[in-house]
Amino acid sequence: IECMIITSIHNYDKGNAIPYDDTIISKDVIIEDNVWLGNRVTVLPGVR
């Protein structure tokens, strides 16, 4: 229950404003066969 996969983050490092600018950085998430995520697992962008 309550798992989350996030594929986009705000540009906080090289942007033109703080804490972040309007740029969105997106990265793919790949989860292969036979994977089990327990309750409240969060997977961040770019993870396999």
All heavy atoms as atom14 arrays in JSON, in Angstrom:
{
  "sequence": "IECMIITSIHNYDKGNAIPYDDTIISKDVIIEDNVWLGNRVTVLPGVR",
  "atom14_mask": [
    [1, 1, 1, 1, 1, 1, 1, 1, 0, 0, 0, 0, 0, 0],
    [1, 1, 1, 1, 1, 1, 1, 1, 1, 0, 0, 0, 0, 0],
    [1, 1, 1, 1, 1, 1, 0, 0, 0, 0, 0, 0, 0, 0],
    [1, 1, 1, 1, 1, 1, 1, 1, 0, 0, 0, 0, 0, 0],
    [1, 1, 1, 1, 1, 1, 1, 1, 0, 0, 0, 0, 0, 0],
    [1, 1, 1, 1, 1, 1, 1, 1, 0, 0, 0, 0, 0, 0],
    [1, 1, 1, 1, 1, 1, 1, 0, 0, 0, 0, 0, 0, 0],
    [1, 1, 1, 1, 1, 1, 0, 0, 0, 0, 0, 0, 0, 0],
    [1, 1, 1, 1, 1, 1, 1, 1, 0, 0, 0, 0, 0, 0],
    [1, 1, 1, 1, 1, 1, 1, 1, 1, 1, 0, 0, 0, 0],
    [1, 1, 1, 1, 1, 1, 1, 1, 0, 0, 0, 0, 0, 0],
    [1, 1, 1, 1, 1, 1, 1, 1, 1, 1, 1, 1, 0, 0],
    [1, 1, 1, 1, 1, 1, 1, 1, 0, 0, 0, 0, 0, 0],
    [1, 1, 1, 1, 1, 1, 1, 1, 1, 0, 0, 0, 0, 0],
    [1, 1, 1, 1, 0, 0, 0, 0, 0, 0, 0, 0, 0, 0],
    [1, 1, 1, 1, 1, 1, 1, 1, 0, 0, 0, 0, 0, 0],
    [1, 1, 1, 1, 1, 0, 0, 0, 0, 0, 0, 0, 0, 0],
    [1, 1, 1, 1, 1, 1, 1, 1, 0, 0, 0, 0, 0, 0],
    [1, 1, 1, 1, 1, 1, 1, 0, 0, 0, 0, 0, 0, 0],
    [1, 1, 1, 1, 1, 1, 1, 1, 1, 1, 1, 1, 0, 0],
    [1, 1, 1, 1, 1, 1, 1, 1, 0, 0, 0, 0, 0, 0],
    [1, 1, 1, 1, 1, 1, 1, 1, 0, 0, 0, 0, 0, 0],
    [1, 1, 1, 1, 1, 1, 1, 0, 0, 0, 0, 0, 0, 0],
    [1, 1, 1, 1, 1, 1, 1, 1, 0, 0, 0, 0, 0, 0],
    [1, 1, 1, 1, 1, 1, 1, 1, 0, 0, 0, 0, 0, 0],
    [1, 1, 1, 1, 1, 1, 0, 0, 0, 0, 0, 0, 0, 0],
    [1, 1, 1, 1, 1, 1, 1, 1, 1, 0, 0, 0, 0, 0],
    [1, 1, 1, 1, 1, 1, 1, 1, 0, 0, 0, 0, 0, 0],
    [1, 1, 1, 1, 1, 1, 1, 0, 0, 0, 0, 0, 0, 0],
    [1, 1, 1, 1, 1, 1, 1, 1, 0, 0, 0, 0, 0, 0],
    [1, 1, 1, 1, 1, 1, 1, 1, 0, 0, 0, 0, 0, 0],
    [1, 1, 1, 1, 1, 1, 1, 1, 1, 0, 0, 0, 0, 0],
    [1, 1, 1, 1, 1, 1, 1, 1, 0, 0, 0, 0, 0, 0],
    [1, 1, 1, 1, 1, 1, 1, 1, 0, 0, 0, 0, 0, 0],
    [1, 1, 1, 1, 1, 1, 1, 0, 0, 0, 0, 0, 0, 0],
    [1, 1, 1, 1, 1, 1, 1, 1, 1, 1, 1, 1, 1, 1],
    [1, 1, 1, 1, 1, 1, 1, 1, 0, 0, 0, 0, 0, 0],
    [1, 1, 1, 1, 0, 0, 0, 0, 0, 0, 0, 0, 0, 0],
    [1, 1, 1, 1, 1, 1, 1, 1, 0, 0, 0, 0, 0, 0],
    [1, 1, 1, 1, 1, 1, 1, 1, 1, 1, 1, 0, 0, 0],
    [1, 1, 1, 1, 1, 1, 1, 0, 0, 0, 0, 0, 0, 0],
    [1, 1, 1, 1, 1, 1, 1, 0, 0, 0, 0, 0, 0, 0],
    [1, 1, 1, 1, 1, 1, 1, 0, 0, 0, 0, 0, 0, 0],
    [1, 1, 1, 1, 1, 1, 1, 1, 0, 0, 0, 0, 0, 0],
    [1, 1, 1, 1, 1, 1, 1, 0, 0, 0, 0, 0, 0, 0],
    [1, 1, 1, 1, 0, 0, 0, 0, 0, 0, 0, 0, 0, 0],
    [1, 1, 1, 1, 1, 1, 1, 0, 0, 0, 0, 0, 0, 0],
    [1, 1, 1, 1, 1, 1, 1, 1, 1, 1, 1, 0, 0, 0]
  ],
  "atom14_positions": [
    [[0.83, -1.2, 0.0], [0.0, 0.0, 0.0], [0.87, 1.25, 0.0], [2.0, 1.24, 0.47], [-0.99, 0.02, 1.18], [-0.25, -0.01, 2.52], [-1.98, -1.12, 1.09], [-1.13, 0.25, 3.72], [0.0, 0.0, 0.0], [0.0, 0.0, 0.0], [0.0, 0.0, 0.0], [0.0, 0.0, 0.0], [0.0, 0.0, 0.0], [0.0, 0.0, 0.0]],
    [[0.33, 2.32, -0.56], [0.93, 3.65, -0.55], [2.36, 3.7, -1.12], [3.22, 4.4, -0.6], [0.89, 4.25, 0.85], [-0.53, 4.45, 1.36], [-0.61, 5.03, 2.75], [0.43, 5.39, 3.34], [-1.73, 5.11, 3.26], [0.0, 0.0, 0.0], [0.0, 0.0, 0.0], [0.0, 0.0, 0.0], [0.0, 0.0, 0.0], [0.0, 0.0, 0.0]],
    [[2.6, 2.98, -2.19], [3.9, 3.04, -2.87], [3.89, 4.18, -3.87], [2.84, 4.6, -4.35], [4.19, 1.72, -3.59], [4.51, 0.36, -2.47], [0.0, 0.0, 0.0], [0.0, 0.0, 0.0], [0.0, 0.0, 0.0], [0.0, 0.0, 0.0], [0.0, 0.0, 0.0], [0.0, 0.0, 0.0], [0.0, 0.0, 0.0], [0.0, 0.0, 0.0]],
    [[5.08, 4.69, -4.2], [5.19, 5.81, -5.12], [6.42, 5.63, -6.01], [7.49, 5.26, -5.55], [5.32, 7.12, -4.34], [5.33, 8.34, -5.23], [5.48, 9.88, -4.28], [3.94, 9.89, -3.42], [0.0, 0.0, 0.0], [0.0, 0.0, 0.0], [0.0, 0.0, 0.0], [0.0, 0.0, 0.0], [0.0, 0.0, 0.0], [0.0, 0.0, 0.0]],
    [[6.22, 5.91, -7.29], [7.32, 5.96, -8.26], [7.32, 7.36, -8.83], [6.31, 7.81, -9.38], [7.14, 4.92, -9.38], [7.15, 3.5, -8.8], [8.23, 5.08, -10.44], [6.8, 2.41, -9.81], [0.0, 0.0, 0.0], [0.0, 0.0, 0.0], [0.0, 0.0, 0.0], [0.0, 0.0, 0.0], [0.0, 0.0, 0.0], [0.0, 0.0, 0.0]],
    [[8.44, 8.05, -8.68], [8.58, 9.44, -9.14], [9.58, 9.45, -10.29], [10.67, 8.88, -10.17], [9.08, 10.34, -8.0], [8.13, 10.26, -6.8], [9.26, 11.78, -8.46], [8.68, 10.88, -5.54], [0.0, 0.0, 0.0], [0.0, 0.0, 0.0], [0.0, 0.0, 0.0], [0.0, 0.0, 0.0], [0.0, 0.0, 0.0], [0.0, 0.0, 0.0]],
    [[9.22, 10.11, -11.4], [10.12, 10.13, -12.56], [10.6, 11.53, -12.92], [11.39, 11.66, -13.85], [9.44, 9.5, -13.8], [8.31, 10.28, -14.16], [9.03, 8.06, -13.53], [0.0, 0.0, 0.0], [0.0, 0.0, 0.0], [0.0, 0.0, 0.0], [0.0, 0.0, 0.0], [0.0, 0.0, 0.0], [0.0, 0.0, 0.0], [0.0, 0.0, 0.0]],
    [[10.13, 12.54, -12.22], [10.56, 13.92, -12.53], [10.9, 14.66, -11.24], [10.25, 14.47, -10.21], [9.44, 14.69, -13.25], [9.18, 14.11, -14.5], [0.0, 0.0, 0.0], [0.0, 0.0, 0.0], [0.0, 0.0, 0.0], [0.0, 0.0, 0.0], [0.0, 0.0, 0.0], [0.0, 0.0, 0.0], [0.0, 0.0, 0.0], [0.0, 0.0, 0.0]],
    [[11.91, 15.52, -11.35], [12.3, 16.37, -10.22], [12.49, 17.8, -10.73], [12.64, 18.04, -11.92], [13.59, 15.88, -9.53], [14.77, 15.84, -10.53], [13.37, 14.52, -8.89], [16.12, 15.57, -9.9], [0.0, 0.0, 0.0], [0.0, 0.0, 0.0], [0.0, 0.0, 0.0], [0.0, 0.0, 0.0], [0.0, 0.0, 0.0], [0.0, 0.0, 0.0]],
    [[12.51, 18.72, -9.8], [12.78, 20.12, -10.14], [14.28, 20.34, -10.29], [15.09, 19.67, -9.64], [12.25, 21.04, -9.04], [10.77, 21.05, -8.93], [9.97, 21.68, -9.85], [9.94, 20.51, -8.01], [8.71, 21.54, -9.49], [8.66, 20.83, -8.38], [0.0, 0.0, 0.0], [0.0, 0.0, 0.0], [0.0, 0.0, 0.0], [0.0, 0.0, 0.0]],
    [[14.66, 21.3, -11.1], [16.06, 21.68, -11.3], [16.48, 22.59, -10.15], [16.16, 23.76, -10.12], [16.22, 22.38, -12.64], [17.65, 22.74, -12.95], [18.58, 22.21, -12.36], [17.83, 23.66, -13.88], [0.0, 0.0, 0.0], [0.0, 0.0, 0.0], [0.0, 0.0, 0.0], [0.0, 0.0, 0.0], [0.0, 0.0, 0.0], [0.0, 0.0, 0.0]],
    [[17.21, 22.04, -9.22], [17.64, 22.81, -8.05], [19.12, 23.18, -8.11], [19.58, 24.05, -7.39], [17.39, 22.02, -6.76], [18.17, 20.71, -6.73], [19.47, 20.66, -6.24], [17.6, 19.54, -7.21], [20.19, 19.48, -6.24], [18.3, 18.36, -7.21], [19.6, 18.34, -6.72], [20.32, 17.16, -6.73], [0.0, 0.0, 0.0], [0.0, 0.0, 0.0]],
    [[19.86, 22.52, -9.0], [21.32, 22.66, -8.96], [21.86, 23.68, -9.97], [22.71, 24.48, -9.62], [21.95, 21.29, -9.21], [23.36, 21.19, -8.65], [23.69, 21.96, -7.74], [24.11, 20.32, -9.13], [0.0, 0.0, 0.0], [0.0, 0.0, 0.0], [0.0, 0.0, 0.0], [0.0, 0.0, 0.0], [0.0, 0.0, 0.0], [0.0, 0.0, 0.0]],
    [[21.4, 23.67, -11.17], [21.94, 24.54, -12.23], [20.91, 25.54, -12.73], [21.08, 26.15, -13.77], [22.41, 23.69, -13.42], [23.41, 22.62, -13.08], [24.78, 23.17, -12.89], [25.76, 22.01, -12.71], [26.94, 22.37, -12.0], [0.0, 0.0, 0.0], [0.0, 0.0, 0.0], [0.0, 0.0, 0.0], [0.0, 0.0, 0.0], [0.0, 0.0, 0.0]],
    [[19.81, 25.69, -12.0], [18.72, 26.54, -12.45], [18.98, 28.02, -12.24], [20.02, 28.44, -11.75], [0.0, 0.0, 0.0], [0.0, 0.0, 0.0], [0.0, 0.0, 0.0], [0.0, 0.0, 0.0], [0.0, 0.0, 0.0], [0.0, 0.0, 0.0], [0.0, 0.0, 0.0], [0.0, 0.0, 0.0], [0.0, 0.0, 0.0], [0.0, 0.0, 0.0]],
    [[17.98, 28.81, -12.57], [18.11, 30.26, -12.47], [17.31, 30.84, -11.31], [17.09, 32.05, -11.26], [17.71, 30.93, -13.8], [16.31, 30.55, -14.23], [15.51, 30.08, -13.44], [16.03, 30.74, -15.51], [0.0, 0.0, 0.0], [0.0, 0.0, 0.0], [0.0, 0.0, 0.0], [0.0, 0.0, 0.0], [0.0, 0.0, 0.0], [0.0, 0.0, 0.0]],
    [[16.86, 30.0, -10.37], [16.16, 30.46, -9.18], [16.37, 29.44, -8.06], [16.72, 28.29, -8.32], [14.68, 30.64, -9.48], [0.0, 0.0, 0.0], [0.0, 0.0, 0.0], [0.0, 0.0, 0.0], [0.0, 0.0, 0.0], [0.0, 0.0, 0.0], [0.0, 0.0, 0.0], [0.0, 0.0, 0.0], [0.0, 0.0, 0.0], [0.0, 0.0, 0.0]],
    [[16.15, 29.88, -6.83], [16.21, 28.97, -5.69], [14.88, 29.0, -4.95], [14.21, 30.04, -4.99], [17.39, 29.3, -4.74], [17.39, 30.78, -4.37], [18.7, 28.86, -5.29], [18.46, 31.15, -3.36], [0.0, 0.0, 0.0], [0.0, 0.0, 0.0], [0.0, 0.0, 0.0], [0.0, 0.0, 0.0], [0.0, 0.0, 0.0], [0.0, 0.0, 0.0]],
    [[14.41, 27.97, -4.36], [15.08, 26.69, -4.18], [15.19, 25.85, -5.45], [16.01, 24.94, -5.53], [14.22, 25.96, -3.14], [12.86, 26.52, -3.3], [13.07, 27.95, -3.74], [0.0, 0.0, 0.0], [0.0, 0.0, 0.0], [0.0, 0.0, 0.0], [0.0, 0.0, 0.0], [0.0, 0.0, 0.0], [0.0, 0.0, 0.0], [0.0, 0.0, 0.0]],
    [[14.39, 26.15, -6.48], [14.49, 25.49, -7.77], [13.82, 26.37, -8.81], [13.08, 27.3, -8.47], [13.84, 24.08, -7.75], [12.42, 24.08, -7.27], [11.36, 24.37, -8.12], [12.11, 23.78, -5.94], [10.04, 24.38, -7.69], [10.79, 23.77, -5.5], [9.77, 24.07, -6.36], [8.47, 24.07, -5.93], [0.0, 0.0, 0.0], [0.0, 0.0, 0.0]],
    [[14.11, 26.1, -10.09], [13.48, 26.9, -11.15], [12.33, 26.11, -11.8], [11.9, 25.09, -11.28], [14.5, 27.4, -12.17], [15.13, 26.31, -13.01], [14.63, 25.16, -13.02], [16.12, 26.6, -13.7], [0.0, 0.0, 0.0], [0.0, 0.0, 0.0], [0.0, 0.0, 0.0], [0.0, 0.0, 0.0], [0.0, 0.0, 0.0], [0.0, 0.0, 0.0]],
    [[11.85, 26.58, -12.93], [10.71, 25.96, -13.6], [11.07, 24.76, -14.46], [10.19, 24.13, -15.04], [10.0, 26.99, -14.47], [9.32, 28.06, -13.64], [8.96, 27.77, -12.48], [9.16, 29.18, -14.13], [0.0, 0.0, 0.0], [0.0, 0.0, 0.0], [0.0, 0.0, 0.0], [0.0, 0.0, 0.0], [0.0, 0.0, 0.0], [0.0, 0.0, 0.0]],
    [[12.36, 24.44, -14.56], [12.8, 23.31, -15.36], [12.46, 22.0, -14.66], [12.68, 21.86, -13.46], [14.33, 23.37, -15.58], [14.68, 24.64, -16.11], [14.8, 22.28, -16.52], [0.0, 0.0, 0.0], [0.0, 0.0, 0.0], [0.0, 0.0, 0.0], [0.0, 0.0, 0.0], [0.0, 0.0, 0.0], [0.0, 0.0, 0.0], [0.0, 0.0, 0.0]],
    [[11.93, 21.06, -15.41], [11.64, 19.72, -14.9], [12.64, 18.75, -15.51], [12.85, 18.74, -16.73], [10.2, 19.28, -15.25], [9.17, 20.24, -14.68], [9.94, 17.85, -14.8], [9.12, 20.29, -13.17], [0.0, 0.0, 0.0], [0.0, 0.0, 0.0], [0.0, 0.0, 0.0], [0.0, 0.0, 0.0], [0.0, 0.0, 0.0], [0.0, 0.0, 0.0]],
    [[13.27, 17.94, -14.68], [14.22, 16.93, -15.13], [13.54, 15.57, -14.96], [13.16, 15.2, -13.85], [15.52, 17.0, -14.32], [16.16, 18.37, -14.48], [16.47, 15.87, -14.74], [17.27, 18.65, -13.5], [0.0, 0.0, 0.0], [0.0, 0.0, 0.0], [0.0, 0.0, 0.0], [0.0, 0.0, 0.0], [0.0, 0.0, 0.0], [0.0, 0.0, 0.0]],
    [[13.4, 14.84, -16.06], [12.72, 13.54, -16.03], [13.69, 12.42, -16.35], [14.54, 12.56, -17.24], [11.57, 13.52, -17.04], [10.6, 14.48, -16.7], [0.0, 0.0, 0.0], [0.0, 0.0, 0.0], [0.0, 0.0, 0.0], [0.0, 0.0, 0.0], [0.0, 0.0, 0.0], [0.0, 0.0, 0.0], [0.0, 0.0, 0.0], [0.0, 0.0, 0.0]],
    [[13.54, 11.32, -15.63], [14.35, 10.12, -15.86], [13.45, 8.9, -15.76], [12.52, 8.87, -14.95], [15.46, 10.02, -14.82], [16.47, 11.16, -14.88], [17.52, 10.99, -13.82], [18.52, 12.15, -13.85], [19.52, 12.02, -12.8], [0.0, 0.0, 0.0], [0.0, 0.0, 0.0], [0.0, 0.0, 0.0], [0.0, 0.0, 0.0], [0.0, 0.0, 0.0]],
    [[13.74, 7.9, -16.55], [12.93, 6.69, -16.58], [13.18, 5.82, -15.35], [14.26, 5.85, -14.75], [13.24, 5.86, -17.83], [12.92, 6.61, -19.12], [12.16, 7.6, -19.07], [13.43, 6.18, -20.17], [0.0, 0.0, 0.0], [0.0, 0.0, 0.0], [0.0, 0.0, 0.0], [0.0, 0.0, 0.0], [0.0, 0.0, 0.0], [0.0, 0.0, 0.0]],
    [[12.18, 5.03, -15.0], [12.27, 4.02, -13.95], [11.92, 2.68, -14.58], [10.9, 2.56, -15.26], [11.32, 4.32, -12.77], [11.26, 3.15, -11.8], [11.75, 5.59, -12.05], [0.0, 0.0, 0.0], [0.0, 0.0, 0.0], [0.0, 0.0, 0.0], [0.0, 0.0, 0.0], [0.0, 0.0, 0.0], [0.0, 0.0, 0.0], [0.0, 0.0, 0.0]],
    [[12.78, 1.69, -14.35], [12.55, 0.35, -14.89], [12.55, -0.64, -13.73], [13.49, -0.69, -12.94], [13.63, -0.03, -15.91], [13.59, 0.95, -17.1], [13.46, -1.48, -16.38], [14.72, 0.81, -18.06], [0.0, 0.0, 0.0], [0.0, 0.0, 0.0], [0.0, 0.0, 0.0], [0.0, 0.0, 0.0], [0.0, 0.0, 0.0], [0.0, 0.0, 0.0]],
    [[11.46, -1.41, -13.67], [11.33, -2.46, -12.66], [11.18, -3.76, -13.42], [10.22, -3.95, -14.17], [10.14, -2.18, -11.73], [10.35, -0.85, -11.0], [9.96, -3.34, -10.75], [9.2, -0.42, -10.12], [0.0, 0.0, 0.0], [0.0, 0.0, 0.0], [0.0, 0.0, 0.0], [0.0, 0.0, 0.0], [0.0, 0.0, 0.0], [0.0, 0.0, 0.0]],
    [[12.13, -4.66, -13.23], [12.14, -5.92, -13.98], [11.13, -6.92, -13.41], [10.42, -6.61, -12.45], [13.57, -6.47, -14.01], [14.52, -5.54, -14.77], [15.95, -6.03, -14.82], [16.25, -7.14, -14.34], [16.79, -5.28, -15.37], [0.0, 0.0, 0.0], [0.0, 0.0, 0.0], [0.0, 0.0, 0.0], [0.0, 0.0, 0.0], [0.0, 0.0, 0.0]],
    [[11.09, -8.12, -13.96], [10.12, -9.14, -13.58], [10.28, -9.59, -12.13], [11.39, -9.6, -11.58], [10.28, -10.39, -14.46], [9.91, -10.14, -15.91], [9.28, -9.11, -16.22], [10.26, -11.01, -16.75], [0.0, 0.0, 0.0], [0.0, 0.0, 0.0], [0.0, 0.0, 0.0], [0.0, 0.0, 0.0], [0.0, 0.0, 0.0], [0.0, 0.0, 0.0]],
    [[9.14, -9.99, -11.54], [9.09, -10.67, -10.24], [9.59, -9.81, -9.08], [10.2, -10.31, -8.15], [9.86, -12.0, -10.3], [9.45, -12.84, -11.48], [8.27, -12.96, -11.78], [10.41, -13.38, -12.2], [0.0, 0.0, 0.0], [0.0, 0.0, 0.0], [0.0, 0.0, 0.0], [0.0, 0.0, 0.0], [0.0, 0.0, 0.0], [0.0, 0.0, 0.0]],
    [[9.31, -8.52, -9.13], [9.72, -7.6, -8.08], [8.56, -7.36, -7.13], [7.41, -7.26, -7.54], [10.22, -6.26, -8.68], [10.44, -5.2, -7.61], [11.51, -6.5, -9.46], [0.0, 0.0, 0.0], [0.0, 0.0, 0.0], [0.0, 0.0, 0.0], [0.0, 0.0, 0.0], [0.0, 0.0, 0.0], [0.0, 0.0, 0.0], [0.0, 0.0, 0.0]],
    [[8.9, -7.23, -5.85], [7.92, -6.97, -4.81], [8.35, -5.74, -4.03], [9.45, -5.71, -3.49], [7.82, -8.19, -3.91], [6.98, -8.05, -2.68], [5.96, -7.17, -2.44], [7.1, -8.86, -1.5], [5.43, -7.38, -1.19], [6.12, -8.42, -0.59], [7.93, -9.9, -1.13], [5.95, -8.99, 0.67], [7.76, -10.46, 0.13], [6.78, -10.01, 1.0]],
    [[7.49, -4.73, -4.0], [7.72, -3.54, -3.18], [6.83, -3.64, -1.96], [5.61, -3.8, -2.08], [7.36, -2.25, -3.93], [8.04, -1.96, -5.27], [7.58, -0.6, -5.79], [9.54, -2.01, -5.14], [0.0, 0.0, 0.0], [0.0, 0.0, 0.0], [0.0, 0.0, 0.0], [0.0, 0.0, 0.0], [0.0, 0.0, 0.0], [0.0, 0.0, 0.0]],
    [[7.41, -3.51, -0.77], [6.62, -3.51, 0.46], [5.81, -2.22, 0.58], [5.88, -1.33, -0.27], [0.0, 0.0, 0.0], [0.0, 0.0, 0.0], [0.0, 0.0, 0.0], [0.0, 0.0, 0.0], [0.0, 0.0, 0.0], [0.0, 0.0, 0.0], [0.0, 0.0, 0.0], [0.0, 0.0, 0.0], [0.0, 0.0, 0.0], [0.0, 0.0, 0.0]],
    [[5.07, -2.1, 1.66], [4.26, -0.91, 1.9], [5.12, 0.36, 1.94], [6.22, 0.35, 2.47], [3.52, -1.01, 3.23], [2.44, -2.07, 3.23], [2.05, -2.57, 2.18], [1.95, -2.42, 4.4], [0.0, 0.0, 0.0], [0.0, 0.0, 0.0], [0.0, 0.0, 0.0], [0.0, 0.0, 0.0], [0.0, 0.0, 0.0], [0.0, 0.0, 0.0]],
    [[4.59, 1.43, 1.38], [5.16, 2.77, 1.44], [6.59, 2.86, 0.92], [7.42, 3.61, 1.45], [5.07, 3.32, 2.86], [3.65, 3.53, 3.3], [3.55, 4.22, 4.62], [2.16, 4.53, 4.88], [1.64, 4.68, 6.07], [2.41, 4.56, 7.13], [0.38, 4.98, 6.21], [0.0, 0.0, 0.0], [0.0, 0.0, 0.0], [0.0, 0.0, 0.0]],
    [[6.9, 2.14, -0.13], [8.2, 2.26, -0.79], [8.12, 3.4, -1.79], [7.12, 3.56, -2.5], [8.57, 0.94, -1.51], [9.77, 1.12, -2.43], [8.83, -0.16, -0.5], [0.0, 0.0, 0.0], [0.0, 0.0, 0.0], [0.0, 0.0, 0.0], [0.0, 0.0, 0.0], [0.0, 0.0, 0.0], [0.0, 0.0, 0.0], [0.0, 0.0, 0.0]],
    [[9.18, 4.21, -1.84], [9.3, 5.29, -2.81], [10.49, 4.99, -3.71], [11.58, 4.7, -3.22], [9.5, 6.65, -2.12], [8.39, 6.9, -1.25], [9.63, 7.77, -3.12], [0.0, 0.0, 0.0], [0.0, 0.0, 0.0], [0.0, 0.0, 0.0], [0.0, 0.0, 0.0], [0.0, 0.0, 0.0], [0.0, 0.0, 0.0], [0.0, 0.0, 0.0]],
    [[10.26, 5.06, -5.02], [11.32, 4.85, -6.02], [11.54, 6.18, -6.73], [10.61, 6.76, -7.28], [10.91, 3.76, -7.03], [12.01, 3.55, -8.08], [10.58, 2.44, -6.31], [0.0, 0.0, 0.0], [0.0, 0.0, 0.0], [0.0, 0.0, 0.0], [0.0, 0.0, 0.0], [0.0, 0.0, 0.0], [0.0, 0.0, 0.0], [0.0, 0.0, 0.0]],
    [[12.78, 6.67, -6.72], [13.11, 7.97, -7.3], [13.54, 7.85, -8.76], [13.84, 6.76, -9.25], [14.19, 8.65, -6.46], [13.76, 8.99, -5.02], [14.87, 9.74, -4.3], [12.47, 9.8, -4.99], [0.0, 0.0, 0.0], [0.0, 0.0, 0.0], [0.0, 0.0, 0.0], [0.0, 0.0, 0.0], [0.0, 0.0, 0.0], [0.0, 0.0, 0.0]],
    [[13.57, 8.98, -9.48], [13.88, 8.97, -10.93], [15.21, 8.31, -11.27], [16.19, 8.44, -10.53], [13.92, 10.46, -11.29], [13.12, 11.14, -10.25], [13.31, 10.34, -9.0], [0.0, 0.0, 0.0], [0.0, 0.0, 0.0], [0.0, 0.0, 0.0], [0.0, 0.0, 0.0], [0.0, 0.0, 0.0], [0.0, 0.0, 0.0], [0.0, 0.0, 0.0]],
    [[15.22, 7.61, -12.4], [16.45, 7.04, -12.94], [16.85, 5.69, -12.38], [17.92, 5.18, -12.68], [0.0, 0.0, 0.0], [0.0, 0.0, 0.0], [0.0, 0.0, 0.0], [0.0, 0.0, 0.0], [0.0, 0.0, 0.0], [0.0, 0.0, 0.0], [0.0, 0.0, 0.0], [0.0, 0.0, 0.0], [0.0, 0.0, 0.0], [0.0, 0.0, 0.0]],
    [[15.99, 5.07, -11.58], [16.33, 3.82, -10.89], [15.9, 2.62, -11.73], [14.87, 2.63, -12.39], [15.66, 3.78, -9.5], [15.71, 2.4, -8.89], [16.3, 4.8, -8.58], [0.0, 0.0, 0.0], [0.0, 0.0, 0.0], [0.0, 0.0, 0.0], [0.0, 0.0, 0.0], [0.0, 0.0, 0.0], [0.0, 0.0, 0.0], [0.0, 0.0, 0.0]],
    [[16.71, 1.56, -11.65], [16.37, 0.25, -12.2], [16.4, -0.73, -11.04], [17.38, -0.81, -10.31], [17.37, -0.19, -13.26], [17.12, -1.62, -13.79], [18.2, -2.1, -14.75], [18.1, -1.44, -16.02], [17.4, -1.9, -17.07], [16.72, -3.02, -16.96], [17.36, -1.24, -18.19], [0.0, 0.0, 0.0], [0.0, 0.0, 0.0], [0.0, 0.0, 0.0]]
  ]
}
